[in-house]
Amino acid sequence: MKKIEAIIRPEKFQSLRNALSAIGIGGLTVTEAAGTGKQKGQTGMFRGTSYQIQLLSKIKVEMVVEETQAEQIVELIIVNCNTGNIGDGKIFIYPIEEIVRIRTGERGKEAVI
């Protein structure tokens, strides 16, 4: 099993969600996040005064999938979330040692489905 964690632009989430749903990926966790990278924030304007926005709004999407699905999902994220501009985000892939469903005690693949 693999955990895929993607940090994406908020406006790209619905497109990604629809694409994941189309290939049968229904279980995911979504968190509002804020961060900075090469974009280094933005300059905003309020009542004629400019100010720096140091952290930009992002969405973190996490899912645990079978190892055989991981590369397909990574490609799907790239296709649906790429604008070609700095700030499109990152994808992190982690190995999962064990999964346990709290309610039933099921382990492994059965705990994810």
PDB file of N, CA and C in Angstrom:
ATOM      1  N   MET A   1       0.853  -1.181   0.000  1.00  0.00           N
ATOM      2  CA  MET A   1       0.000   0.000   0.000  1.00  0.00           C
ATOM      3  C   MET A   1       0.896   1.241   0.000  1.00  0.00           C
ATOM      4  N   LYS A   2       0.365   2.307  -0.591  1.00  0.00           N
ATOM      5  CA  LYS A   2       1.065   3.585  -0.661  1.00  0.00           C
ATOM      6  C   LYS A   2       0.130   4.700  -0.204  1.00  0.00           C
ATOM      7  N   LYS A   3       0.714   5.685   0.452  1.00  0.00           N
ATOM      8  CA  LYS A   3      -0.030   6.899   0.786  1.00  0.00           C
ATOM      9  C   LYS A   3       0.434   7.970  -0.185  1.00  0.00           C
ATOM     10  N   ILE A   4      -0.530   8.576  -0.870  1.00  0.00           N
ATOM     11  CA  ILE A   4      -0.234   9.675  -1.780  1.00  0.00           C
ATOM     12  C   ILE A   4      -0.774  10.943  -1.148  1.00  0.00           C
ATOM     13  N   GLU A   5       0.087  11.917  -1.025  1.00  0.00           N
ATOM     14  CA  GLU A   5      -0.265  13.210  -0.439  1.00  0.00           C
ATOM     15  C   GLU A   5       0.051  14.269  -1.490  1.00  0.00           C
ATOM     16  N   ALA A   6      -0.944  15.025  -1.893  1.00  0.00           N
ATOM     17  CA  ALA A   6      -0.747  16.060  -2.913  1.00  0.00           C
ATOM     18  C   ALA A   6      -1.143  17.415  -2.348  1.00  0.00           C
ATOM     19  N   ILE A   7      -0.262  18.386  -2.530  1.00  0.00           N
ATOM     20  CA  ILE A   7      -0.549  19.769  -2.169  1.00  0.00           C
ATOM     21  C   ILE A   7      -0.873  20.467  -3.479  1.00  0.00           C
ATOM     22  N   ILE A   8      -2.104  20.962  -3.617  1.00  0.00           N
ATOM     23  CA  ILE A   8      -2.551  21.513  -4.903  1.00  0.00           C
ATOM     24  C   ILE A   8      -3.208  22.878  -4.724  1.00  0.00           C
ATOM     25  N   ARG A   9      -3.421  23.545  -5.850  1.00  0.00           N
ATOM     26  CA  ARG A   9      -4.162  24.812  -5.851  1.00  0.00           C
ATOM     27  C   ARG A   9      -5.632  24.519  -5.519  1.00  0.00           C
ATOM     28  N   PRO A  10      -6.269  25.344  -4.695  1.00  0.00           N
ATOM     29  CA  PRO A  10      -7.668  25.097  -4.326  1.00  0.00           C
ATOM     30  C   PRO A  10      -8.612  25.008  -5.527  1.00  0.00           C
ATOM     31  N   GLU A  11      -8.370  25.813  -6.547  1.00  0.00           N
ATOM     32  CA  GLU A  11      -9.266  25.825  -7.705  1.00  0.00           C
ATOM     33  C   GLU A  11      -9.163  24.562  -8.552  1.00  0.00           C
ATOM     34  N   LYS A  12      -8.154  23.720  -8.307  1.00  0.00           N
ATOM     35  CA  LYS A  12      -7.984  22.476  -9.061  1.00  0.00           C
ATOM     36  C   LYS A  12      -8.605  21.272  -8.348  1.00  0.00           C
ATOM     37  N   PHE A  13      -9.082  21.459  -7.131  1.00  0.00           N
ATOM     38  CA  PHE A  13      -9.575  20.320  -6.355  1.00  0.00           C
ATOM     39  C   PHE A  13     -10.763  19.613  -7.005  1.00  0.00           C
ATOM     40  N   GLN A  14     -11.768  20.352  -7.453  1.00  0.00           N
ATOM     41  CA  GLN A  14     -12.972  19.700  -7.980  1.00  0.00           C
ATOM     42  C   GLN A  14     -12.657  18.854  -9.212  1.00  0.00           C
ATOM     43  N   SER A  15     -11.815  19.357 -10.069  1.00  0.00           N
ATOM     44  CA  SER A  15     -11.397  18.598 -11.247  1.00  0.00           C
ATOM     45  C   SER A  15     -10.695  17.308 -10.833  1.00  0.00           C
ATOM     46  N   LEU A  16      -9.802  17.402  -9.849  1.00  0.00           N
ATOM     47  CA  LEU A  16      -9.100  16.217  -9.354  1.00  0.00           C
ATOM     48  C   LEU A  16     -10.078  15.249  -8.709  1.00  0.00           C
ATOM     49  N   ARG A  17     -10.991  15.743  -7.918  1.00  0.00           N
ATOM     50  CA  ARG A  17     -11.974  14.889  -7.241  1.00  0.00           C
ATOM     51  C   ARG A  17     -12.804  14.115  -8.252  1.00  0.00           C
ATOM     52  N   ASN A  18     -13.252  14.777  -9.300  1.00  0.00           N
ATOM     53  CA  ASN A  18     -14.036  14.117 -10.338  1.00  0.00           C
ATOM     54  C   ASN A  18     -13.223  13.035 -11.045  1.00  0.00           C
ATOM     55  N   ALA A  19     -11.969  13.313 -11.339  1.00  0.00           N
ATOM     56  CA  ALA A  19     -11.107  12.346 -12.028  1.00  0.00           C
ATOM     57  C   ALA A  19     -10.825  11.138 -11.140  1.00  0.00           C
ATOM     58  N   LEU A  20     -10.594  11.366  -9.852  1.00  0.00           N
ATOM     59  CA  LEU A  20     -10.364  10.249  -8.923  1.00  0.00           C
ATOM     60  C   LEU A  20     -11.617   9.389  -8.803  1.00  0.00           C
ATOM     61  N   SER A  21     -12.753  10.023  -8.706  1.00  0.00           N
ATOM     62  CA  SER A  21     -14.011   9.306  -8.608  1.00  0.00           C
ATOM     63  C   SER A  21     -14.251   8.451  -9.856  1.00  0.00           C
ATOM     64  N   ALA A  22     -13.883   8.963 -11.020  1.00  0.00           N
ATOM     65  CA  ALA A  22     -14.082   8.245 -12.281  1.00  0.00           C
ATOM     66  C   ALA A  22     -13.279   6.949 -12.355  1.00  0.00           C
ATOM     67  N   ILE A  23     -12.149   6.868 -11.614  1.00  0.00           N
ATOM     68  CA  ILE A  23     -11.365   5.628 -11.623  1.00  0.00           C
ATOM     69  C   ILE A  23     -11.599   4.798 -10.364  1.00  0.00           C
ATOM     70  N   GLY A  24     -12.608   5.189  -9.578  1.00  0.00           N
ATOM     71  CA  GLY A  24     -12.994   4.382  -8.423  1.00  0.00           C
ATOM     72  C   GLY A  24     -12.307   4.711  -7.120  1.00  0.00           C
ATOM     73  N   ILE A  25     -11.631   5.850  -7.048  1.00  0.00           N
ATOM     74  CA  ILE A  25     -10.990   6.261  -5.790  1.00  0.00           C
ATOM     75  C   ILE A  25     -11.987   7.147  -5.055  1.00  0.00           C
ATOM     76  N   GLY A  26     -12.547   6.615  -3.970  1.00  0.00           N
ATOM     77  CA  GLY A  26     -13.561   7.359  -3.232  1.00  0.00           C
ATOM     78  C   GLY A  26     -13.091   7.841  -1.887  1.00  0.00           C
ATOM     79  N   GLY A  27     -12.133   7.149  -1.294  1.00  0.00           N
ATOM     80  CA  GLY A  27     -11.689   7.506   0.043  1.00  0.00           C
ATOM     81  C   GLY A  27     -10.495   8.425   0.017  1.00  0.00           C
ATOM     82  N   LEU A  28     -10.694   9.634   0.516  1.00  0.00           N
ATOM     83  CA  LEU A  28      -9.567  10.551   0.643  1.00  0.00           C
ATOM     84  C   LEU A  28      -9.824  11.537   1.757  1.00  0.00           C
ATOM     85  N   THR A  29      -8.759  12.133   2.201  1.00  0.00           N
ATOM     86  CA  THR A  29      -8.829  13.153   3.241  1.00  0.00           C
ATOM     87  C   THR A  29      -8.387  14.466   2.623  1.00  0.00           C
ATOM     88  N   VAL A  30      -9.134  15.532   2.887  1.00  0.00           N
ATOM     89  CA  VAL A  30      -8.826  16.837   2.327  1.00  0.00           C
ATOM     90  C   VAL A  30      -8.668  17.831   3.478  1.00  0.00           C
ATOM     91  N   THR A  31      -7.578  18.585   3.426  1.00  0.00           N
ATOM     92  CA  THR A  31      -7.275  19.557   4.464  1.00  0.00           C
ATOM     93  C   THR A  31      -6.937  20.888   3.819  1.00  0.00           C
ATOM     94  N   GLU A  32      -7.475  21.972   4.372  1.00  0.00           N
ATOM     95  CA  GLU A  32      -7.051  23.295   3.913  1.00  0.00           C
ATOM     96  C   GLU A  32      -5.670  23.552   4.495  1.00  0.00           C
ATOM     97  N   ALA A  33      -4.783  24.063   3.657  1.00  0.00           N
ATOM     98  CA  ALA A  33      -3.412  24.301   4.089  1.00  0.00           C
ATOM     99  C   ALA A  33      -2.965  25.671   3.593  1.00  0.00           C
ATOM    100  N   ALA A  34      -1.870  26.141   4.144  1.00  0.00           N
ATOM    101  CA  ALA A  34      -1.254  27.384   3.685  1.00  0.00           C
ATOM    102  C   ALA A  34       0.248  27.163   3.684  1.00  0.00           C
ATOM    103  N   GLY A  35       0.915  27.698   2.672  1.00  0.00           N
ATOM    104  CA  GLY A  35       2.349  27.503   2.614  1.00  0.00           C
ATOM    105  C   GLY A  35       2.991  28.420   1.603  1.00  0.00           C
ATOM    106  N   THR A  36       4.287  28.286   1.507  1.00  0.00           N
ATOM    107  CA  THR A  36       5.050  29.077   0.554  1.00  0.00           C
ATOM    108  C   THR A  36       6.206  28.246   0.028  1.00  0.00           C
ATOM    109  N   GLY A  37       6.566  28.488  -1.180  1.00  0.00           N
ATOM    110  CA  GLY A  37       7.684  27.802  -1.817  1.00  0.00           C
ATOM    111  C   GLY A  37       8.360  28.801  -2.723  1.00  0.00           C
ATOM    112  N   LYS A  38       8.556  28.421  -3.971  1.00  0.00           N
ATOM    113  CA  LYS A  38       9.200  29.325  -4.930  1.00  0.00           C
ATOM    114  C   LYS A  38       8.366  30.564  -5.206  1.00  0.00           C
ATOM    115  N   GLN A  39       7.052  30.489  -4.963  1.00  0.00           N
ATOM    116  CA  GLN A  39       6.196  31.656  -5.183  1.00  0.00           C
ATOM    117  C   GLN A  39       6.539  32.788  -4.224  1.00  0.00           C
ATOM    118  N   LYS A  40       6.992  32.447  -3.036  1.00  0.00           N
ATOM    119  CA  LYS A  40       7.363  33.412  -1.998  1.00  0.00           C
ATOM    120  C   LYS A  40       6.245  34.407  -1.669  1.00  0.00           C
ATOM    121  N   GLY A  41       5.017  33.956  -1.748  1.00  0.00           N
ATOM    122  CA  GLY A  41       3.884  34.803  -1.382  1.00  0.00           C
ATOM    123  C   GLY A  41       3.460  35.717  -2.516  1.00  0.00           C
ATOM    124  N   GLN A  42       2.578  36.637  -2.187  1.00  0.00           N
ATOM    125  CA  GLN A  42       2.038  37.583  -3.164  1.00  0.00           C
ATOM    126  C   GLN A  42       1.956  38.953  -2.527  1.00  0.00           C
ATOM    127  N   THR A  43       1.823  39.962  -3.366  1.00  0.00           N
ATOM    128  CA  THR A  43       1.577  41.304  -2.864  1.00  0.00           C
ATOM    129  C   THR A  43       0.088  41.582  -3.015  1.00  0.00           C
ATOM    130  N   GLY A  44      -0.549  41.992  -1.919  1.00  0.00           N
ATOM    131  CA  GLY A  44      -1.960  42.337  -1.942  1.00  0.00           C
ATOM    132  C   GLY A  44      -2.131  43.842  -1.827  1.00  0.00           C
ATOM    133  N   MET A  45      -3.342  44.289  -2.053  1.00  0.00           N
ATOM    134  CA  MET A  45      -3.623  45.719  -1.961  1.00  0.00           C
ATOM    135  C   MET A  45      -4.892  45.893  -1.131  1.00  0.00           C
ATOM    136  N   PHE A  46      -4.834  46.748  -0.112  1.00  0.00           N
ATOM    137  CA  PHE A  46      -5.992  47.032   0.721  1.00  0.00           C
ATOM    138  C   PHE A  46      -6.047  48.528   0.966  1.00  0.00           C
ATOM    139  N   ARG A  47      -7.111  49.160   0.502  1.00  0.00           N
ATOM    140  CA  ARG A  47      -7.324  50.606   0.671  1.00  0.00           C
ATOM    141  C   ARG A  47      -6.095  51.418   0.254  1.00  0.00           C
ATOM    142  N   GLY A  48      -5.534  51.033  -0.895  1.00  0.00           N
ATOM    143  CA  GLY A  48      -4.413  51.793  -1.445  1.00  0.00           C
ATOM    144  C   GLY A  48      -3.057  51.453  -0.857  1.00  0.00           C
ATOM    145  N   THR A  49      -3.021  50.542   0.099  1.00  0.00           N
ATOM    146  CA  THR A  49      -1.755  50.161   0.717  1.00  0.00           C
ATOM    147  C   THR A  49      -1.407  48.735   0.315  1.00  0.00           C
ATOM    148  N   SER A  50      -0.191  48.542  -0.166  1.00  0.00           N
ATOM    149  CA  SER A  50       0.208  47.178  -0.540  1.00  0.00           C
ATOM    150  C   SER A  50       0.767  46.461   0.685  1.00  0.00           C
ATOM    151  N   TYR A  51       0.602  45.149   0.704  1.00  0.00           N
ATOM    152  CA  TYR A  51       1.100  44.320   1.800  1.00  0.00           C
ATOM    153  C   TYR A  51       1.480  42.957   1.256  1.00  0.00           C
ATOM    154  N   GLN A  52       2.338  42.265   1.947  1.00  0.00           N
ATOM    155  CA  GLN A  52       2.802  40.943   1.531  1.00  0.00           C
ATOM    156  C   GLN A  52       1.941  39.856   2.157  1.00  0.00           C
ATOM    157  N   ILE A  53       1.503  38.920   1.327  1.00  0.00           N
ATOM    158  CA  ILE A  53       0.830  37.715   1.813  1.00  0.00           C
ATOM    159  C   ILE A  53       1.896  36.631   1.782  1.00  0.00           C
ATOM    160  N   GLN A  54       2.376  36.230   2.942  1.00  0.00           N
ATOM    161  CA  GLN A  54       3.494  35.300   3.016  1.00  0.00           C
ATOM    162  C   GLN A  54       3.088  33.859   2.741  1.00  0.00           C
ATOM    163  N   LEU A  55       1.885  33.480   3.149  1.00  0.00           N
ATOM    164  CA  LEU A  55       1.428  32.106   2.970  1.00  0.00           C
ATOM    165  C   LEU A  55       0.265  32.082   1.992  1.00  0.00           C
ATOM    166  N   LEU A  56       0.342  31.166   1.038  1.00  0.00           N
ATOM    167  CA  LEU A  56      -0.702  31.049   0.033  1.00  0.00           C
ATOM    168  C   LEU A  56      -1.615  29.872   0.361  1.00  0.00           C
ATOM    169  N   SER A  57      -2.879  30.021   0.039  1.00  0.00           N
ATOM    170  CA  SER A  57      -3.873  28.988   0.310  1.00  0.00           C
ATOM    171  C   SER A  57      -3.658  27.789  -0.617  1.00  0.00           C
ATOM    172  N   LYS A  58      -3.665  26.592  -0.033  1.00  0.00           N
ATOM    173  CA  LYS A  58      -3.510  25.337  -0.771  1.00  0.00           C
ATOM    174  C   LYS A  58      -4.487  24.312  -0.207  1.00  0.00           C
ATOM    175  N   ILE A  59      -4.633  23.207  -0.905  1.00  0.00           N
ATOM    176  CA  ILE A  59      -5.426  22.072  -0.440  1.00  0.00           C
ATOM    177  C   ILE A  59      -4.488  20.870  -0.369  1.00  0.00           C
ATOM    178  N   LYS A  60      -4.549  20.129   0.735  1.00  0.00           N
ATOM    179  CA  LYS A  60      -3.780  18.891   0.847  1.00  0.00           C
ATOM    180  C   LYS A  60      -4.759  17.733   0.713  1.00  0.00           C
ATOM    181  N   VAL A  61      -4.497  16.876  -0.278  1.00  0.00           N
ATOM    182  CA  VAL A  61      -5.341  15.712  -0.552  1.00  0.00           C
ATOM    183  C   VAL A  61      -4.510  14.469  -0.233  1.00  0.00           C
ATOM    184  N   GLU A  62      -5.047  13.609   0.642  1.00  0.00           N
ATOM    185  CA  GLU A  62      -4.337  12.399   1.037  1.00  0.00           C
ATOM    186  C   GLU A  62      -5.195  11.180   0.741  1.00  0.00           C
ATOM    187  N   MET A  63      -4.556  10.119   0.259  1.00  0.00           N
ATOM    188  CA  MET A  63      -5.270   8.867   0.020  1.00  0.00           C
ATOM    189  C   MET A  63      -4.303   7.700   0.163  1.00  0.00           C
ATOM    190  N   VAL A  64      -4.836   6.572   0.592  1.00  0.00           N
ATOM    191  CA  VAL A  64      -4.060   5.340   0.667  1.00  0.00           C
ATOM    192  C   VAL A  64      -4.611   4.410  -0.398  1.00  0.00           C
ATOM    193  N   VAL A  65      -3.706   3.918  -1.248  1.00  0.00           N
ATOM    194  CA  VAL A  65      -4.114   3.102  -2.393  1.00  0.00           C
ATOM    195  C   VAL A  65      -3.205   1.888  -2.512  1.00  0.00           C
ATOM    196  N   GLU A  66      -3.644   0.941  -3.326  1.00  0.00           N
ATOM    197  CA  GLU A  66      -2.793  -0.206  -3.604  1.00  0.00           C
ATOM    198  C   GLU A  66      -1.577   0.260  -4.398  1.00  0.00           C
ATOM    199  N   GLU A  67      -0.461  -0.400  -4.163  1.00  0.00           N
ATOM    200  CA  GLU A  67       0.782  -0.011  -4.817  1.00  0.00           C
ATOM    201  C   GLU A  67       0.647   0.005  -6.342  1.00  0.00           C
ATOM    202  N   THR A  68      -0.142  -0.895  -6.885  1.00  0.00           N
ATOM    203  CA  THR A  68      -0.316  -0.972  -8.346  1.00  0.00           C
ATOM    204  C   THR A  68      -1.066   0.234  -8.910  1.00  0.00           C
ATOM    205  N   GLN A  69      -1.820   0.949  -8.075  1.00  0.00           N
ATOM    206  CA  GLN A  69      -2.583   2.123  -8.522  1.00  0.00           C
ATOM    207  C   GLN A  69      -1.803   3.423  -8.389  1.00  0.00           C
ATOM    208  N   ALA A  70      -0.715   3.417  -7.647  1.00  0.00           N
ATOM    209  CA  ALA A  70      -0.031   4.652  -7.276  1.00  0.00           C
ATOM    210  C   ALA A  70       0.408   5.475  -8.484  1.00  0.00           C
ATOM    211  N   GLU A  71       1.071   4.864  -9.441  1.00  0.00           N
ATOM    212  CA  GLU A  71       1.575   5.631 -10.586  1.00  0.00           C
ATOM    213  C   GLU A  71       0.441   6.213 -11.420  1.00  0.00           C
ATOM    214  N   GLN A  72      -0.641   5.473 -11.596  1.00  0.00           N
ATOM    215  CA  GLN A  72      -1.799   5.981 -12.343  1.00  0.00           C
ATOM    216  C   GLN A  72      -2.376   7.214 -11.641  1.00  0.00           C
ATOM    217  N   ILE A  73      -2.445   7.167 -10.327  1.00  0.00           N
ATOM    218  CA  ILE A  73      -3.004   8.291  -9.572  1.00  0.00           C
ATOM    219  C   ILE A  73      -2.077   9.502  -9.625  1.00  0.00           C
ATOM    220  N   VAL A  74      -0.779   9.277  -9.537  1.00  0.00           N
ATOM    221  CA  VAL A  74       0.181  10.383  -9.651  1.00  0.00           C
ATOM    222  C   VAL A  74       0.015  11.068 -11.006  1.00  0.00           C
ATOM    223  N   GLU A  75      -0.078  10.298 -12.083  1.00  0.00           N
ATOM    224  CA  GLU A  75      -0.268  10.871 -13.415  1.00  0.00           C
ATOM    225  C   GLU A  75      -1.590  11.631 -13.505  1.00  0.00           C
ATOM    226  N   LEU A  76      -2.626  11.088 -12.897  1.00  0.00           N
ATOM    227  CA  LEU A  76      -3.931  11.740 -12.886  1.00  0.00           C
ATOM    228  C   LEU A  76      -3.860  13.088 -12.158  1.00  0.00           C
ATOM    229  N   ILE A  77      -3.134  13.139 -11.053  1.00  0.00           N
ATOM    230  CA  ILE A  77      -2.959  14.397 -10.309  1.00  0.00           C
ATOM    231  C   ILE A  77      -2.218  15.410 -11.172  1.00  0.00           C
ATOM    232  N   ILE A  78      -1.154  14.976 -11.824  1.00  0.00           N
ATOM    233  CA  ILE A  78      -0.375  15.884 -12.677  1.00  0.00           C
ATOM    234  C   ILE A  78      -1.254  16.450 -13.794  1.00  0.00           C
ATOM    235  N   VAL A  79      -1.996  15.598 -14.478  1.00  0.00           N
ATOM    236  CA  VAL A  79      -2.839  16.040 -15.592  1.00  0.00           C
ATOM    237  C   VAL A  79      -3.909  17.028 -15.129  1.00  0.00           C
ATOM    238  N   ASN A  80      -4.520  16.768 -13.985  1.00  0.00           N
ATOM    239  CA  ASN A  80      -5.638  17.604 -13.525  1.00  0.00           C
ATOM    240  C   ASN A  80      -5.225  18.846 -12.752  1.00  0.00           C
ATOM    241  N   CYS A  81      -3.998  18.896 -12.242  1.00  0.00           N
ATOM    242  CA  CYS A  81      -3.603  20.011 -11.380  1.00  0.00           C
ATOM    243  C   CYS A  81      -2.488  20.882 -11.956  1.00  0.00           C
ATOM    244  N   ASN A  82      -1.975  20.538 -13.119  1.00  0.00           N
ATOM    245  CA  ASN A  82      -0.884  21.285 -13.724  1.00  0.00           C
ATOM    246  C   ASN A  82      -1.411  22.512 -14.464  1.00  0.00           C
ATOM    247  N   THR A  83      -0.905  23.696 -14.085  1.00  0.00           N
ATOM    248  CA  THR A  83      -1.205  24.916 -14.839  1.00  0.00           C
ATOM    249  C   THR A  83       0.024  25.378 -15.604  1.00  0.00           C
ATOM    250  N   GLY A  84       1.182  24.793 -15.273  1.00  0.00           N
ATOM    251  CA  GLY A  84       2.430  25.215 -15.893  1.00  0.00           C
ATOM    252  C   GLY A  84       3.077  26.385 -15.196  1.00  0.00           C
ATOM    253  N   ASN A  85       2.495  26.816 -14.084  1.00  0.00           N
ATOM    254  CA  ASN A  85       3.021  27.968 -13.341  1.00  0.00           C
ATOM    255  C   ASN A  85       3.602  27.529 -12.006  1.00  0.00           C
ATOM    256  N   ILE A  86       4.500  28.355 -11.480  1.00  0.00           N
ATOM    257  CA  ILE A  86       5.029  28.105 -10.143  1.00  0.00           C
ATOM    258  C   ILE A  86       3.862  28.091  -9.173  1.00  0.00           C
ATOM    259  N   GLY A  87       3.879  27.147  -8.233  1.00  0.00           N
ATOM    260  CA  GLY A  87       2.815  27.068  -7.236  1.00  0.00           C
ATOM    261  C   GLY A  87       1.784  25.992  -7.515  1.00  0.00           C
ATOM    262  N   ASP A  88       2.029  25.156  -8.541  1.00  0.00           N
ATOM    263  CA  ASP A  88       1.087  24.072  -8.837  1.00  0.00           C
ATOM    264  C   ASP A  88       1.054  23.027  -7.738  1.00  0.00           C
ATOM    265  N   GLY A  89       2.125  22.894  -6.967  1.00  0.00           N
ATOM    266  CA  GLY A  89       2.113  21.985  -5.826  1.00  0.00           C
ATOM    267  C   GLY A  89       3.126  20.874  -5.916  1.00  0.00           C
ATOM    268  N   LYS A  90       2.971  19.910  -5.033  1.00  0.00           N
ATOM    269  CA  LYS A  90       3.877  18.766  -4.929  1.00  0.00           C
ATOM    270  C   LYS A  90       3.065  17.516  -4.647  1.00  0.00           C
ATOM    271  N   ILE A  91       3.673  16.369  -4.978  1.00  0.00           N
ATOM    272  CA  ILE A  91       3.092  15.066  -4.653  1.00  0.00           C
ATOM    273  C   ILE A  91       4.132  14.303  -3.851  1.00  0.00           C
ATOM    274  N   PHE A  92       3.710  13.751  -2.719  1.00  0.00           N
ATOM    275  CA  PHE A  92       4.578  12.941  -1.874  1.00  0.00           C
ATOM    276  C   PHE A  92       4.010  11.531  -1.830  1.00  0.00           C
ATOM    277  N   ILE A  93       4.871  10.536  -1.931  1.00  0.00           N
ATOM    278  CA  ILE A  93       4.445   9.137  -1.924  1.00  0.00           C
ATOM    279  C   ILE A  93       5.186   8.420  -0.801  1.00  0.00           C
ATOM    280  N   TYR A  94       4.405   7.786   0.089  1.00  0.00           N
ATOM    281  CA  TYR A  94       4.971   7.106   1.249  1.00  0.00           C
ATOM    282  C   TYR A  94       4.575   5.633   1.241  1.00  0.00           C
ATOM    283  N   PRO A  95       5.464   4.763   1.691  1.00  0.00           N
ATOM    284  CA  PRO A  95       5.055   3.362   1.885  1.00  0.00           C
ATOM    285  C   PRO A  95       4.214   3.258   3.155  1.00  0.00           C
ATOM    286  N   ILE A  96       3.211   2.392   3.130  1.00  0.00           N
ATOM    287  CA  ILE A  96       2.358   2.166   4.295  1.00  0.00           C
ATOM    288  C   ILE A  96       2.654   0.779   4.837  1.00  0.00           C
ATOM    289  N   GLU A  97       3.033   0.738   6.086  1.00  0.00           N
ATOM    290  CA  GLU A  97       3.383  -0.533   6.712  1.00  0.00           C
ATOM    291  C   GLU A  97       2.154  -1.337   7.113  1.00  0.00           C
ATOM    292  N   GLU A  98       1.167  -0.676   7.703  1.00  0.00           N
ATOM    293  CA  GLU A  98      -0.022  -1.373   8.184  1.00  0.00           C
ATOM    294  C   GLU A  98      -1.182  -0.394   8.266  1.00  0.00           C
ATOM    295  N   ILE A  99      -2.383  -0.918   8.092  1.00  0.00           N
ATOM    296  CA  ILE A  99      -3.607  -0.131   8.223  1.00  0.00           C
ATOM    297  C   ILE A  99      -4.553  -0.915   9.122  1.00  0.00           C
ATOM    298  N   VAL A 100      -5.184  -0.217  10.058  1.00  0.00           N
ATOM    299  CA  VAL A 100      -6.137  -0.863  10.959  1.00  0.00           C
ATOM    300  C   VAL A 100      -7.398  -0.013  11.002  1.00  0.00           C
ATOM    301  N   ARG A 101      -8.543  -0.628  10.726  1.00  0.00           N
ATOM    302  CA  ARG A 101      -9.827   0.067  10.850  1.00  0.00           C
ATOM    303  C   ARG A 101     -10.223   0.029  12.323  1.00  0.00           C
ATOM    304  N   ILE A 102     -10.421   1.158  12.921  1.00  0.00           N
ATOM    305  CA  ILE A 102     -10.706   1.243  14.350  1.00  0.00           C
ATOM    306  C   ILE A 102     -11.991   0.523  14.717  1.00  0.00           C
ATOM    307  N   ARG A 103     -13.050   0.716  13.948  1.00  0.00           N
ATOM    308  CA  ARG A 103     -14.364   0.151  14.284  1.00  0.00           C
ATOM    309  C   ARG A 103     -14.358  -1.369  14.347  1.00  0.00           C
ATOM    310  N   THR A 104     -13.719  -2.030  13.363  1.00  0.00           N
ATOM    311  CA  THR A 104     -13.811  -3.488  13.278  1.00  0.00           C
ATOM    312  C   THR A 104     -12.518  -4.223  13.604  1.00  0.00           C
ATOM    313  N   GLY A 105     -11.409  -3.494  13.620  1.00  0.00           N
ATOM    314  CA  GLY A 105     -10.127  -4.142  13.835  1.00  0.00           C
ATOM    315  C   GLY A 105      -9.555  -4.759  12.571  1.00  0.00           C
ATOM    316  N   GLU A 106     -10.237  -4.620  11.422  1.00  0.00           N
ATOM    317  CA  GLU A 106      -9.725  -5.146  10.163  1.00  0.00           C
ATOM    318  C   GLU A 106      -8.365  -4.538   9.865  1.00  0.00           C
ATOM    319  N   ARG A 107      -7.522  -5.326   9.195  1.00  0.00           N
ATOM    320  CA  ARG A 107      -6.173  -4.876   8.883  1.00  0.00           C
ATOM    321  C   ARG A 107      -5.888  -5.030   7.396  1.00  0.00           C
ATOM    322  N   GLY A 108      -4.907  -4.253   6.936  1.00  0.00           N
ATOM    323  CA  GLY A 108      -4.458  -4.359   5.565  1.00  0.00           C
ATOM    324  C   GLY A 108      -5.455  -3.790   4.578  1.00  0.00           C
ATOM    325  N   LYS A 109      -5.495  -4.394   3.396  1.00  0.00           N
ATOM    326  CA  LYS A 109      -6.336  -3.920   2.300  1.00  0.00           C
ATOM    327  C   LYS A 109      -7.804  -3.819   2.700  1.00  0.00           C
ATOM    328  N   GLU A 110      -8.296  -4.763   3.482  1.00  0.00           N
ATOM    329  CA  GLU A 110      -9.707  -4.754   3.892  1.00  0.00           C
ATOM    330  C   GLU A 110     -10.052  -3.506   4.732  1.00  0.00           C
ATOM    331  N   ALA A 111      -9.070  -2.968   5.415  1.00  0.00           N
ATOM    332  CA  ALA A 111      -9.317  -1.789   6.240  1.00  0.00           C
ATOM    333  C   ALA A 111      -9.475  -0.519   5.399  1.00  0.00           C
ATOM    334  N   VAL A 112      -8.990  -0.540   4.171  1.00  0.00           N
ATOM    335  CA  VAL A 112      -9.067   0.630   3.310  1.00  0.00           C
ATOM    336  C   VAL A 112     -10.356   0.641   2.498  1.00  0.00           C
ATOM    337  N   ILE A 113     -10.804  -0.512   2.070  1.00  0.00           N
ATOM    338  CA  ILE A 113     -11.965  -0.617   1.178  1.00  0.00           C
ATOM    339  C   ILE A 113     -13.254  -0.362   1.945  1.00  0.00           C
TER     340      ILE A 113
END
